[in-house]
């Protein structure tokens, strides 16, 4: 599992290029939501994400929830599975 998380984190950290950009475009995930998902892929909790970005924790929760809606998923693991399924 750790290797999976590290690999996904590396792909999500690519920024504007590669697989993430295509996935984000297909699901209309905004750049800020991509940033949030990169932290989610690294198994980072909302308080840490809030501190790192820095944005209010409520914003983190909303920006985490929106990609779930856009990808038809409901928890932190499912967007990663959807990402790999494409």
PDB file of N, CA and C in Angstrom:
ATOM      1  N   UNK A   1       0.826  -1.202   0.000  1.00  0.00           N
ATOM      2  CA  UNK A   1       0.000   0.000   0.000  1.00  0.00           C
ATOM      3  C   UNK A   1       0.863   1.255   0.000  1.00  0.00           C
ATOM      4  N   UNK A   2       1.955   1.260   0.773  1.00  0.00           N
ATOM      5  CA  UNK A   2       2.817   2.427   0.838  1.00  0.00           C
ATOM      6  C   UNK A   2       3.398   2.760  -0.528  1.00  0.00           C
ATOM      7  N   UNK A   3       3.817   1.756  -1.276  1.00  0.00           N
ATOM      8  CA  UNK A   3       4.364   1.992  -2.614  1.00  0.00           C
ATOM      9  C   UNK A   3       3.307   2.632  -3.491  1.00  0.00           C
ATOM     10  N   UNK A   4       2.070   2.159  -3.389  1.00  0.00           N
ATOM     11  CA  UNK A   4       0.959   2.719  -4.157  1.00  0.00           C
ATOM     12  C   UNK A   4       0.770   4.190  -3.836  1.00  0.00           C
ATOM     13  N   UNK A   5       0.758   4.525  -2.548  1.00  0.00           N
ATOM     14  CA  UNK A   5       0.547   5.910  -2.130  1.00  0.00           C
ATOM     15  C   UNK A   5       1.690   6.795  -2.620  1.00  0.00           C
ATOM     16  N   UNK A   6       2.925   6.310  -2.517  1.00  0.00           N
ATOM     17  CA  UNK A   6       4.078   7.092  -2.975  1.00  0.00           C
ATOM     18  C   UNK A   6       4.019   7.302  -4.478  1.00  0.00           C
ATOM     19  N   UNK A   7       3.670   6.259  -5.235  1.00  0.00           N
ATOM     20  CA  UNK A   7       3.575   6.370  -6.691  1.00  0.00           C
ATOM     21  C   UNK A   7       2.490   7.365  -7.086  1.00  0.00           C
ATOM     22  N   UNK A   8       1.336   7.259  -6.477  1.00  0.00           N
ATOM     23  CA  UNK A   8       0.244   8.186  -6.778  1.00  0.00           C
ATOM     24  C   UNK A   8       0.635   9.606  -6.392  1.00  0.00           C
ATOM     25  N   UNK A   9       1.276   9.759  -5.241  1.00  0.00           N
ATOM     26  CA  UNK A   9       1.706  11.087  -4.813  1.00  0.00           C
ATOM     27  C   UNK A   9       2.663  11.693  -5.828  1.00  0.00           C
ATOM     28  N   UNK A  10       3.555  10.897  -6.365  1.00  0.00           N
ATOM     29  CA  UNK A  10       4.505  11.392  -7.368  1.00  0.00           C
ATOM     30  C   UNK A  10       3.772  11.846  -8.628  1.00  0.00           C
ATOM     31  N   UNK A  11       2.784  11.094  -9.056  1.00  0.00           N
ATOM     32  CA  UNK A  11       2.027  11.458 -10.256  1.00  0.00           C
ATOM     33  C   UNK A  11       1.217  12.721 -10.001  1.00  0.00           C
ATOM     34  N   UNK A  12       0.600  12.817  -8.833  1.00  0.00           N
ATOM     35  CA  UNK A  12      -0.190  14.002  -8.527  1.00  0.00           C
ATOM     36  C   UNK A  12       0.704  15.217  -8.346  1.00  0.00           C
ATOM     37  N   UNK A  13       1.958  15.020  -8.011  1.00  0.00           N
ATOM     38  CA  UNK A  13       2.884  16.132  -7.827  1.00  0.00           C
ATOM     39  C   UNK A  13       3.442  16.650  -9.151  1.00  0.00           C
ATOM     40  N   UNK A  14       3.112  16.016 -10.268  1.00  0.00           N
ATOM     41  CA  UNK A  14       3.627  16.433 -11.566  1.00  0.00           C
ATOM     42  C   UNK A  14       3.188  17.832 -11.946  1.00  0.00           C
ATOM     43  N   UNK A  15       2.146  18.333 -11.321  1.00  0.00           N
ATOM     44  CA  UNK A  15       1.685  19.683 -11.644  1.00  0.00           C
ATOM     45  C   UNK A  15       0.842  19.711 -12.894  1.00  0.00           C
ATOM     46  N   UNK A  16       1.253  20.501 -13.874  1.00  0.00           N
ATOM     47  CA  UNK A  16       0.442  20.732 -15.060  1.00  0.00           C
ATOM     48  C   UNK A  16       0.551  19.643 -16.114  1.00  0.00           C
ATOM     49  N   UNK A  17       1.467  18.715 -15.977  1.00  0.00           N
ATOM     50  CA  UNK A  17       1.679  17.750 -17.045  1.00  0.00           C
ATOM     51  C   UNK A  17       1.221  16.358 -16.695  1.00  0.00           C
ATOM     52  N   UNK A  18       1.221  15.526 -17.693  1.00  0.00           N
ATOM     53  CA  UNK A  18       1.029  14.105 -17.492  1.00  0.00           C
ATOM     54  C   UNK A  18      -0.386  13.647 -17.235  1.00  0.00           C
ATOM     55  N   UNK A  19      -0.425  12.531 -16.571  1.00  0.00           N
ATOM     56  CA  UNK A  19      -1.659  11.790 -16.362  1.00  0.00           C
ATOM     57  C   UNK A  19      -2.658  12.584 -15.522  1.00  0.00           C
ATOM     58  N   UNK A  20      -2.175  13.251 -14.494  1.00  0.00           N
ATOM     59  CA  UNK A  20      -3.079  14.009 -13.624  1.00  0.00           C
ATOM     60  C   UNK A  20      -3.818  15.086 -14.398  1.00  0.00           C
ATOM     61  N   UNK A  21      -3.106  15.778 -15.277  1.00  0.00           N
ATOM     62  CA  UNK A  21      -3.748  16.842 -16.056  1.00  0.00           C
ATOM     63  C   UNK A  21      -4.887  16.283 -16.895  1.00  0.00           C
ATOM     64  N   UNK A  22      -4.671  15.130 -17.484  1.00  0.00           N
ATOM     65  CA  UNK A  22      -5.711  14.490 -18.290  1.00  0.00           C
ATOM     66  C   UNK A  22      -6.890  14.068 -17.409  1.00  0.00           C
ATOM     67  N   UNK A  23      -6.587  13.440 -16.283  1.00  0.00           N
ATOM     68  CA  UNK A  23      -7.632  13.019 -15.341  1.00  0.00           C
ATOM     69  C   UNK A  23      -8.426  14.231 -14.868  1.00  0.00           C
ATOM     70  N   UNK A  24      -7.720  15.294 -14.489  1.00  0.00           N
ATOM     71  CA  UNK A  24      -8.378  16.504 -13.995  1.00  0.00           C
ATOM     72  C   UNK A  24      -9.263  17.128 -15.068  1.00  0.00           C
ATOM     73  N   UNK A  25      -8.769  17.169 -16.287  1.00  0.00           N
ATOM     74  CA  UNK A  25      -9.553  17.744 -17.380  1.00  0.00           C
ATOM     75  C   UNK A  25     -10.804  16.914 -17.632  1.00  0.00           C
ATOM     76  N   UNK A  26     -10.671  15.588 -17.622  1.00  0.00           N
ATOM     77  CA  UNK A  26     -11.817  14.703 -17.862  1.00  0.00           C
ATOM     78  C   UNK A  26     -12.906  14.882 -16.813  1.00  0.00           C
ATOM     79  N   UNK A  27     -12.514  15.228 -15.599  1.00  0.00           N
ATOM     80  CA  UNK A  27     -13.479  15.336 -14.497  1.00  0.00           C
ATOM     81  C   UNK A  27     -13.710  16.770 -14.041  1.00  0.00           C
ATOM     82  N   UNK A  28     -13.143  17.738 -14.793  1.00  0.00           N
ATOM     83  CA  UNK A  28     -13.304  19.153 -14.475  1.00  0.00           C
ATOM     84  C   UNK A  28     -12.848  19.486 -13.055  1.00  0.00           C
ATOM     85  N   UNK A  29     -11.738  18.894 -12.652  1.00  0.00           N
ATOM     86  CA  UNK A  29     -11.143  19.172 -11.354  1.00  0.00           C
ATOM     87  C   UNK A  29     -10.273  20.424 -11.493  1.00  0.00           C
ATOM     88  N   UNK A  30     -10.514  21.400 -10.642  1.00  0.00           N
ATOM     89  CA  UNK A  30      -9.783  22.670 -10.722  1.00  0.00           C
ATOM     90  C   UNK A  30      -8.336  22.487 -10.243  1.00  0.00           C
ATOM     91  N   UNK A  31      -7.467  23.429 -10.594  1.00  0.00           N
ATOM     92  CA  UNK A  31      -6.077  23.353 -10.110  1.00  0.00           C
ATOM     93  C   UNK A  31      -5.982  23.292  -8.581  1.00  0.00           C
ATOM     94  N   UNK A  32      -6.811  24.050  -7.887  1.00  0.00           N
ATOM     95  CA  UNK A  32      -6.765  24.011  -6.411  1.00  0.00           C
ATOM     96  C   UNK A  32      -7.232  22.654  -5.898  1.00  0.00           C
ATOM     97  N   UNK A  33      -8.254  22.085  -6.537  1.00  0.00           N
ATOM     98  CA  UNK A  33      -8.711  20.745  -6.150  1.00  0.00           C
ATOM     99  C   UNK A  33      -7.618  19.714  -6.437  1.00  0.00           C
ATOM    100  N   UNK A  34      -6.862  19.909  -7.514  1.00  0.00           N
ATOM    101  CA  UNK A  34      -5.738  19.015  -7.794  1.00  0.00           C
ATOM    102  C   UNK A  34      -4.713  19.088  -6.672  1.00  0.00           C
ATOM    103  N   UNK A  35      -4.448  20.287  -6.189  1.00  0.00           N
ATOM    104  CA  UNK A  35      -3.497  20.453  -5.090  1.00  0.00           C
ATOM    105  C   UNK A  35      -3.974  19.707  -3.854  1.00  0.00           C
ATOM    106  N   UNK A  36      -5.257  19.853  -3.562  1.00  0.00           N
ATOM    107  CA  UNK A  36      -5.836  19.130  -2.422  1.00  0.00           C
ATOM    108  C   UNK A  36      -5.705  17.627  -2.633  1.00  0.00           C
ATOM    109  N   UNK A  37      -6.030  17.147  -3.836  1.00  0.00           N
ATOM    110  CA  UNK A  37      -5.939  15.711  -4.122  1.00  0.00           C
ATOM    111  C   UNK A  37      -4.513  15.196  -4.016  1.00  0.00           C
ATOM    112  N   UNK A  38      -3.541  16.024  -4.332  1.00  0.00           N
ATOM    113  CA  UNK A  38      -2.155  15.576  -4.193  1.00  0.00           C
ATOM    114  C   UNK A  38      -1.838  15.289  -2.728  1.00  0.00           C
ATOM    115  N   UNK A  39      -2.366  16.111  -1.830  1.00  0.00           N
ATOM    116  CA  UNK A  39      -2.186  15.849  -0.398  1.00  0.00           C
ATOM    117  C   UNK A  39      -2.986  14.626   0.041  1.00  0.00           C
ATOM    118  N   UNK A  40      -4.189  14.494  -0.471  1.00  0.00           N
ATOM    119  CA  UNK A  40      -5.013  13.322  -0.146  1.00  0.00           C
ATOM    120  C   UNK A  40      -4.296  12.041  -0.581  1.00  0.00           C
ATOM    121  N   UNK A  41      -3.680  12.073  -1.763  1.00  0.00           N
ATOM    122  CA  UNK A  41      -2.950  10.916  -2.273  1.00  0.00           C
ATOM    123  C   UNK A  41      -1.785  10.538  -1.368  1.00  0.00           C
ATOM    124  N   UNK A  42      -1.278  11.527  -0.654  1.00  0.00           N
ATOM    125  CA  UNK A  42      -0.174  11.277   0.267  1.00  0.00           C
ATOM    126  C   UNK A  42      -0.680  10.952   1.674  1.00  0.00           C
ATOM    127  N   UNK A  43      -1.994  10.749   1.800  1.00  0.00           N
ATOM    128  CA  UNK A  43      -2.634  10.400   3.069  1.00  0.00           C
ATOM    129  C   UNK A  43      -2.457  11.503   4.118  1.00  0.00           C
ATOM    130  N   UNK A  44      -2.501  12.755   3.676  1.00  0.00           N
ATOM    131  CA  UNK A  44      -2.371  13.903   4.563  1.00  0.00           C
ATOM    132  C   UNK A  44      -3.744  14.292   5.092  1.00  0.00           C
ATOM    133  N   UNK A  45      -3.831  14.533   6.380  1.00  0.00           N
ATOM    134  CA  UNK A  45      -5.095  14.922   6.993  1.00  0.00           C
ATOM    135  C   UNK A  45      -5.462  16.365   6.693  1.00  0.00           C
ATOM    136  N   UNK A  46      -6.740  16.674   6.853  1.00  0.00           N
ATOM    137  CA  UNK A  46      -7.236  18.019   6.570  1.00  0.00           C
ATOM    138  C   UNK A  46      -6.522  19.117   7.355  1.00  0.00           C
ATOM    139  N   UNK A  47      -6.242  18.930   8.655  1.00  0.00           N
ATOM    140  CA  UNK A  47      -5.543  20.001   9.381  1.00  0.00           C
ATOM    141  C   UNK A  47      -4.158  20.307   8.786  1.00  0.00           C
ATOM    142  N   UNK A  48      -3.445  19.285   8.382  1.00  0.00           N
ATOM    143  CA  UNK A  48      -2.116  19.491   7.792  1.00  0.00           C
ATOM    144  C   UNK A  48      -2.226  20.178   6.424  1.00  0.00           C
ATOM    145  N   UNK A  49      -3.209  19.747   5.618  1.00  0.00           N
ATOM    146  CA  UNK A  49      -3.431  20.370   4.311  1.00  0.00           C
ATOM    147  C   UNK A  49      -3.737  21.848   4.499  1.00  0.00           C
ATOM    148  N   UNK A  50      -4.594  22.149   5.471  1.00  0.00           N
ATOM    149  CA  UNK A  50      -4.964  23.527   5.769  1.00  0.00           C
ATOM    150  C   UNK A  50      -3.728  24.352   6.123  1.00  0.00           C
ATOM    151  N   UNK A  51      -2.853  23.778   6.889  1.00  0.00           N
ATOM    152  CA  UNK A  51      -1.629  24.476   7.294  1.00  0.00           C
ATOM    153  C   UNK A  51      -0.669  24.661   6.120  1.00  0.00           C
ATOM    154  N   UNK A  52      -0.535  23.647   5.286  1.00  0.00           N
ATOM    155  CA  UNK A  52       0.422  23.675   4.178  1.00  0.00           C
ATOM    156  C   UNK A  52       0.022  24.644   3.069  1.00  0.00           C
ATOM    157  N   UNK A  53      -1.264  24.805   2.793  1.00  0.00           N
ATOM    158  CA  UNK A  53      -1.654  25.565   1.598  1.00  0.00           C
ATOM    159  C   UNK A  53      -1.572  27.092   1.714  1.00  0.00           C
ATOM    160  N   UNK A  54      -1.721  27.807   2.686  1.00  0.00           N
ATOM    161  CA  UNK A  54      -2.613  27.770   3.845  1.00  0.00           C
ATOM    162  C   UNK A  54      -4.014  28.289   3.487  1.00  0.00           C
ATOM    163  N   UNK A  55      -4.972  27.535   3.861  1.00  0.00           N
ATOM    164  CA  UNK A  55      -6.381  27.898   3.678  1.00  0.00           C
ATOM    165  C   UNK A  55      -7.147  27.402   4.902  1.00  0.00           C
ATOM    166  N   UNK A  56      -8.326  27.967   5.167  1.00  0.00           N
ATOM    167  CA  UNK A  56      -9.132  27.478   6.291  1.00  0.00           C
ATOM    168  C   UNK A  56      -9.491  26.001   6.112  1.00  0.00           C
ATOM    169  N   UNK A  57      -9.616  25.297   7.207  1.00  0.00           N
ATOM    170  CA  UNK A  57      -9.924  23.873   7.144  1.00  0.00           C
ATOM    171  C   UNK A  57     -11.260  23.620   6.450  1.00  0.00           C
ATOM    172  N   UNK A  58     -12.209  24.532   6.582  1.00  0.00           N
ATOM    173  CA  UNK A  58     -13.493  24.396   5.884  1.00  0.00           C
ATOM    174  C   UNK A  58     -13.307  24.381   4.374  1.00  0.00           C
ATOM    175  N   UNK A  59     -12.382  25.199   3.891  1.00  0.00           N
ATOM    176  CA  UNK A  59     -12.077  25.231   2.461  1.00  0.00           C
ATOM    177  C   UNK A  59     -11.493  23.902   2.020  1.00  0.00           C
ATOM    178  N   UNK A  60     -10.626  23.332   2.844  1.00  0.00           N
ATOM    179  CA  UNK A  60     -10.035  22.022   2.525  1.00  0.00           C
ATOM    180  C   UNK A  60     -11.131  20.970   2.408  1.00  0.00           C
ATOM    181  N   UNK A  61     -12.058  20.981   3.344  1.00  0.00           N
ATOM    182  CA  UNK A  61     -13.146  19.991   3.319  1.00  0.00           C
ATOM    183  C   UNK A  61     -13.987  20.139   2.054  1.00  0.00           C
ATOM    184  N   UNK A  62     -14.307  21.366   1.692  1.00  0.00           N
ATOM    185  CA  UNK A  62     -15.110  21.601   0.483  1.00  0.00           C
ATOM    186  C   UNK A  62     -14.332  21.188  -0.752  1.00  0.00           C
ATOM    187  N   UNK A  63     -13.070  21.605  -0.827  1.00  0.00           N
ATOM    188  CA  UNK A  63     -12.253  21.297  -2.005  1.00  0.00           C
ATOM    189  C   UNK A  63     -11.910  19.818  -2.086  1.00  0.00           C
ATOM    190  N   UNK A  64     -12.018  19.102  -0.985  1.00  0.00           N
ATOM    191  CA  UNK A  64     -11.852  17.643  -1.008  1.00  0.00           C
ATOM    192  C   UNK A  64     -13.140  16.987  -1.483  1.00  0.00           C
ATOM    193  N   UNK A  65     -14.254  17.528  -1.054  1.00  0.00           N
ATOM    194  CA  UNK A  65     -15.555  16.941  -1.403  1.00  0.00           C
ATOM    195  C   UNK A  65     -15.898  17.128  -2.885  1.00  0.00           C
ATOM    196  N   UNK A  66     -15.589  18.284  -3.450  1.00  0.00           N
ATOM    197  CA  UNK A  66     -15.934  18.548  -4.861  1.00  0.00           C
ATOM    198  C   UNK A  66     -15.344  17.518  -5.824  1.00  0.00           C
ATOM    199  N   UNK A  67     -14.058  17.159  -5.727  1.00  0.00           N
ATOM    200  CA  UNK A  67     -13.549  16.128  -6.647  1.00  0.00           C
ATOM    201  C   UNK A  67     -14.236  14.779  -6.455  1.00  0.00           C
ATOM    202  N   UNK A  68     -14.662  14.492  -5.229  1.00  0.00           N
ATOM    203  CA  UNK A  68     -15.407  13.241  -5.010  1.00  0.00           C
ATOM    204  C   UNK A  68     -16.690  13.263  -5.831  1.00  0.00           C
ATOM    205  N   UNK A  69     -17.397  14.386  -5.788  1.00  0.00           N
ATOM    206  CA  UNK A  69     -18.629  14.512  -6.580  1.00  0.00           C
ATOM    207  C   UNK A  69     -18.332  14.406  -8.071  1.00  0.00           C
ATOM    208  N   UNK A  70     -17.282  15.095  -8.507  1.00  0.00           N
ATOM    209  CA  UNK A  70     -16.947  15.132  -9.926  1.00  0.00           C
ATOM    210  C   UNK A  70     -16.503  13.779 -10.469  1.00  0.00           C
ATOM    211  N   UNK A  71     -15.902  12.958  -9.626  1.00  0.00           N
ATOM    212  CA  UNK A  71     -15.433  11.641 -10.069  1.00  0.00           C
ATOM    213  C   UNK A  71     -16.401  10.521  -9.692  1.00  0.00           C
ATOM    214  N   UNK A  72     -17.507  10.877  -9.049  1.00  0.00           N
ATOM    215  CA  UNK A  72     -18.490   9.862  -8.662  1.00  0.00           C
ATOM    216  C   UNK A  72     -17.999   8.969  -7.537  1.00  0.00           C
ATOM    217  N   UNK A  73     -17.179   9.526  -6.647  1.00  0.00           N
ATOM    218  CA  UNK A  73     -16.633   8.767  -5.530  1.00  0.00           C
ATOM    219  C   UNK A  73     -17.092   9.374  -4.220  1.00  0.00           C
ATOM    220  N   UNK A  74     -16.808   8.664  -3.117  1.00  0.00           N
ATOM    221  CA  UNK A  74     -17.334   9.160  -1.850  1.00  0.00           C
ATOM    222  C   UNK A  74     -16.329   9.165  -0.697  1.00  0.00           C
ATOM    223  N   UNK A  75     -15.109   8.700  -0.917  1.00  0.00           N
ATOM    224  CA  UNK A  75     -14.121   8.738   0.162  1.00  0.00           C
ATOM    225  C   UNK A  75     -12.721   8.943  -0.411  1.00  0.00           C
ATOM    226  N   UNK A  76     -11.720   9.039   0.432  1.00  0.00           N
ATOM    227  CA  UNK A  76     -10.367   9.384   0.003  1.00  0.00           C
ATOM    228  C   UNK A  76      -9.704   8.329  -0.874  1.00  0.00           C
ATOM    229  N   UNK A  77     -10.088   7.084  -0.753  1.00  0.00           N
ATOM    230  CA  UNK A  77      -9.460   6.035  -1.546  1.00  0.00           C
ATOM    231  C   UNK A  77     -10.058   5.918  -2.949  1.00  0.00           C
ATOM    232  N   UNK A  78     -11.319   6.180  -3.102  1.00  0.00           N
ATOM    233  CA  UNK A  78     -12.000   5.969  -4.380  1.00  0.00           C
ATOM    234  C   UNK A  78     -11.503   6.865  -5.523  1.00  0.00           C
ATOM    235  N   UNK A  79     -11.175   8.148  -5.292  1.00  0.00           N
ATOM    236  CA  UNK A  79     -10.644   8.922  -6.417  1.00  0.00           C
ATOM    237  C   UNK A  79      -9.338   8.347  -6.959  1.00  0.00           C
ATOM    238  N   UNK A  80      -8.528   7.782  -6.071  1.00  0.00           N
ATOM    239  CA  UNK A  80      -7.293   7.160  -6.513  1.00  0.00           C
ATOM    240  C   UNK A  80      -7.575   5.947  -7.377  1.00  0.00           C
ATOM    241  N   UNK A  81      -8.563   5.166  -6.984  1.00  0.00           N
ATOM    242  CA  UNK A  81      -8.947   4.002  -7.799  1.00  0.00           C
ATOM    243  C   UNK A  81      -9.494   4.459  -9.145  1.00  0.00           C
ATOM    244  N   UNK A  82     -10.289   5.522  -9.131  1.00  0.00           N
ATOM    245  CA  UNK A  82     -10.827   6.056 -10.397  1.00  0.00           C
ATOM    246  C   UNK A  82      -9.693   6.567 -11.281  1.00  0.00           C
ATOM    247  N   UNK A  83      -8.719   7.203 -10.672  1.00  0.00           N
ATOM    248  CA  UNK A  83      -7.562   7.707 -11.389  1.00  0.00           C
ATOM    249  C   UNK A  83      -6.851   6.564 -12.112  1.00  0.00           C
ATOM    250  N   UNK A  84      -6.618   5.463 -11.406  1.00  0.00           N
ATOM    251  CA  UNK A  84      -5.904   4.326 -12.010  1.00  0.00           C
ATOM    252  C   UNK A  84      -6.751   3.572 -13.005  1.00  0.00           C
ATOM    253  N   UNK A  85      -8.074   3.662 -12.894  1.00  0.00           N
ATOM    254  CA  UNK A  85      -8.961   2.941 -13.807  1.00  0.00           C
ATOM    255  C   UNK A  85      -8.993   3.578 -15.199  1.00  0.00           C
ATOM    256  N   UNK A  86      -8.609   4.847 -15.291  1.00  0.00           N
ATOM    257  CA  UNK A  86      -8.668   5.556 -16.578  1.00  0.00           C
ATOM    258  C   UNK A  86      -7.438   5.318 -17.406  1.00  0.00           C
TER     259      UNK A  86
END
